[in-house]
C-alpha atoms as a PDB file:
ATOM      1  CA  MET A   1      15.618 -11.301 -16.767  1.00  0.00           C
ATOM      2  CA  VAL A   2      13.064 -13.538 -18.592  1.00  0.00           C
ATOM      3  CA  LYS A   3       9.860 -11.575 -16.247  1.00  0.00           C
ATOM      4  CA  LEU A   4      11.570  -7.720 -16.872  1.00  0.00           C
ATOM      5  CA  VAL A   5      11.213  -8.774 -20.487  1.00  0.00           C
ATOM      6  CA  ALA A   6       7.550 -10.200 -20.111  1.00  0.00           C
ATOM      7  CA  VAL A   7       6.479  -7.529 -18.537  1.00  0.00           C
ATOM      8  CA  LEU A   8       8.392  -5.290 -21.114  1.00  0.00           C
ATOM      9  CA  THR A   9       6.501  -7.332 -24.172  1.00  0.00           C
ATOM     10  CA  ALA A  10       3.190  -6.458 -22.563  1.00  0.00           C
ATOM     11  CA  GLY A  11       3.634  -2.860 -21.837  1.00  0.00           C
ATOM     12  CA  LEU A  12       3.781  -2.155 -25.602  1.00  0.00           C
ATOM     13  CA  GLY A  13       1.081  -4.783 -26.659  1.00  0.00           C
ATOM     14  CA  LEU A  14       3.604  -7.077 -27.837  1.00  0.00           C
ATOM     15  CA  GLY A  15       1.287  -9.724 -26.256  1.00  0.00           C
ATOM     16  CA  GLY A  16      -2.075  -8.436 -28.275  1.00  0.00           C
ATOM     17  CA  VAL A  17      -4.349  -5.799 -27.705  1.00  0.00           C
ATOM     18  CA  ASP A  18      -8.170  -6.728 -27.620  1.00  0.00           C
ATOM     19  CA  ILE A  19     -10.362  -3.662 -28.489  1.00  0.00           C
ATOM     20  CA  VAL A  20     -13.648  -2.644 -26.856  1.00  0.00           C
ATOM     21  CA  THR A  21     -15.982  -0.953 -28.174  1.00  0.00           C
ATOM     22  CA  ASP A  22     -19.626  -2.076 -26.760  1.00  0.00           C
ATOM     23  CA  SER A  23     -21.013  -2.701 -23.387  1.00  0.00           C
ATOM     24  CA  VAL A  24     -20.240  -6.385 -23.752  1.00  0.00           C
ATOM     25  CA  THR A  25     -18.532  -8.238 -21.050  1.00  0.00           C
ATOM     26  CA  ARG A  26     -14.642  -9.813 -22.157  1.00  0.00           C
ATOM     27  CA  ASN A  27     -12.941 -12.751 -20.393  1.00  0.00           C
ATOM     28  CA  GLY A  28      -9.508 -13.368 -20.420  1.00  0.00           C
ATOM     29  CA  SER A  29      -6.135 -12.032 -19.262  1.00  0.00           C
ATOM     30  CA  TRP A  30      -4.622  -8.748 -19.205  1.00  0.00           C
ATOM     31  CA  VAL A  31      -2.509  -6.115 -17.641  1.00  0.00           C
ATOM     32  CA  ILE A  32      -3.448  -2.728 -19.202  1.00  0.00           C
ATOM     33  CA  ILE A  33      -6.750  -1.028 -19.872  1.00  0.00           C
ATOM     34  CA  HIS A  34      -5.989   1.968 -22.170  1.00  0.00           C
ATOM     35  CA  ALA A  35      -8.891   4.305 -22.773  1.00  0.00           C
ATOM     36  CA  ILE A  36      -8.720   5.283 -26.593  1.00  0.00           C
ATOM     37  CA  GLN A  37     -11.698   7.893 -25.940  1.00  0.00           C
ATOM     38  CA  ASP A  38     -13.332   9.057 -22.681  1.00  0.00           C
ATOM     39  CA  THR A  39     -14.960   5.515 -21.541  1.00  0.00           C
ATOM     40  CA  VAL A  40     -16.837   4.535 -18.553  1.00  0.00           C
ATOM     41  CA  ILE A  41     -16.741   1.287 -16.262  1.00  0.00           C
ATOM     42  CA  ALA A  42     -19.241  -1.215 -15.513  1.00  0.00           C
ATOM     43  CA  SER A  43     -17.021  -3.556 -13.893  1.00  0.00           C
ATOM     44  CA  VAL A  44     -13.581  -5.307 -13.585  1.00  0.00           C
ATOM     45  CA  THR A  45     -12.518  -8.575 -12.125  1.00  0.00           C
ATOM     46  CA  TYR A  46      -8.874  -8.879 -10.954  1.00  0.00           C
ATOM     47  CA  ALA A  47      -7.273 -11.960 -10.852  1.00  0.00           C
ATOM     48  CA  GLY A  48      -7.643 -12.766  -6.826  1.00  0.00           C
ATOM     49  CA  GLY A  49      -5.993 -11.175  -4.097  1.00  0.00           C
ATOM     50  CA  THR A  50      -3.944  -8.825  -6.501  1.00  0.00           C
ATOM     51  CA  SER A  51      -6.122  -5.408  -6.130  1.00  0.00           C
ATOM     52  CA  THR A  52      -9.004  -4.203  -4.021  1.00  0.00           C
ATOM     53  CA  GLY A  53     -11.587  -1.506  -4.451  1.00  0.00           C
ATOM     54  CA  SER A  54     -13.776  -0.835  -7.454  1.00  0.00           C
ATOM     55  CA  LEU A  55     -13.089   0.788 -11.062  1.00  0.00           C
ATOM     56  CA  ALA A  56     -17.372   0.183 -11.622  1.00  0.00           C
ATOM     57  CA  GLY A  57     -18.530   3.758 -12.403  1.00  0.00           C
ATOM     58  CA  GLN A  58     -15.328   5.298 -13.122  1.00  0.00           C
ATOM     59  CA  THR A  59     -14.764   7.075 -16.497  1.00  0.00           C
ATOM     60  CA  LEU A  60     -11.255   7.369 -17.969  1.00  0.00           C
ATOM     61  CA  LYS A  61     -10.425  10.261 -19.820  1.00  0.00           C
ATOM     62  CA  ALA A  62      -9.014   9.350 -23.309  1.00  0.00           C
ATOM     63  CA  GLY A  63      -5.472   8.636 -22.963  1.00  0.00           C
ATOM     64  CA  ASP A  64      -5.665   7.138 -19.592  1.00  0.00           C
ATOM     65  CA  ARG A  65      -4.050   3.588 -18.755  1.00  0.00           C
ATOM     66  CA  VAL A  66      -5.087   1.636 -15.626  1.00  0.00           C
ATOM     67  CA  TYR A  67      -2.588  -1.505 -14.757  1.00  0.00           C
ATOM     68  CA  GLY A  68      -3.393  -4.315 -12.993  1.00  0.00           C
ATOM     69  CA  GLN A  69      -4.025  -8.108 -13.471  1.00  0.00           C
ATOM     70  CA  PHE A  70      -7.400  -8.333 -15.040  1.00  0.00           C
ATOM     71  CA  LEU A  71      -9.956 -11.119 -15.525  1.00  0.00           C
ATOM     72  CA  SER A  72     -12.721  -9.627 -17.015  1.00  0.00           C
ATOM     73  CA  VAL A  73     -13.991  -5.801 -18.323  1.00  0.00           C
ATOM     74  CA  THR A  74     -16.949  -4.330 -19.013  1.00  0.00           C
ATOM     75  CA  LEU A  75     -17.627  -1.255 -20.204  1.00  0.00           C
ATOM     76  CA  THR A  76     -20.329   1.508 -19.833  1.00  0.00           C
ATOM     77  CA  SER A  77     -19.369   3.666 -22.785  1.00  0.00           C
ATOM     78  CA  GLY A  78     -16.766   4.424 -24.804  1.00  0.00           C
ATOM     79  CA  ALA A  79     -13.870   2.374 -26.269  1.00  0.00           C
ATOM     80  CA  ALA A  80     -10.498   0.750 -24.581  1.00  0.00           C
ATOM     81  CA  GLU A  81      -7.783  -1.521 -25.589  1.00  0.00           C
ATOM     82  CA  LEU A  82      -7.317  -4.198 -23.447  1.00  0.00           C
ATOM     83  CA  TYR A  83      -3.465  -5.282 -23.459  1.00  0.00           C
ATOM     84  CA  ARG A  84      -3.011  -9.074 -23.336  1.00  0.00           C
ATOM     85  CA  ALA A  85      -0.714 -10.569 -20.575  1.00  0.00           C
ATOM     86  CA  THR A  86       2.204 -12.218 -21.519  1.00  0.00           C
ATOM     87  CA  ILE A  87       3.507 -13.538 -18.379  1.00  0.00           C
END
């Protein structure tokens, strides 16, 4: 039950949200990238062994969300909310 509450908390942004509007690399622990305007991803680092592939060069349309365990995020352009992990 505790993990379920933590997952719901993160999904609702209750763990905190970092707004990114520039191309500076952000390091932290996030579970959702939410594009608040059309956004191009420069790079993303996943927590070890959690995901494969790359989002580099991908465009997220405003409103799109990508779920995962992210340790760093860099945008080429646009703006996004990074939902902090609470688990």
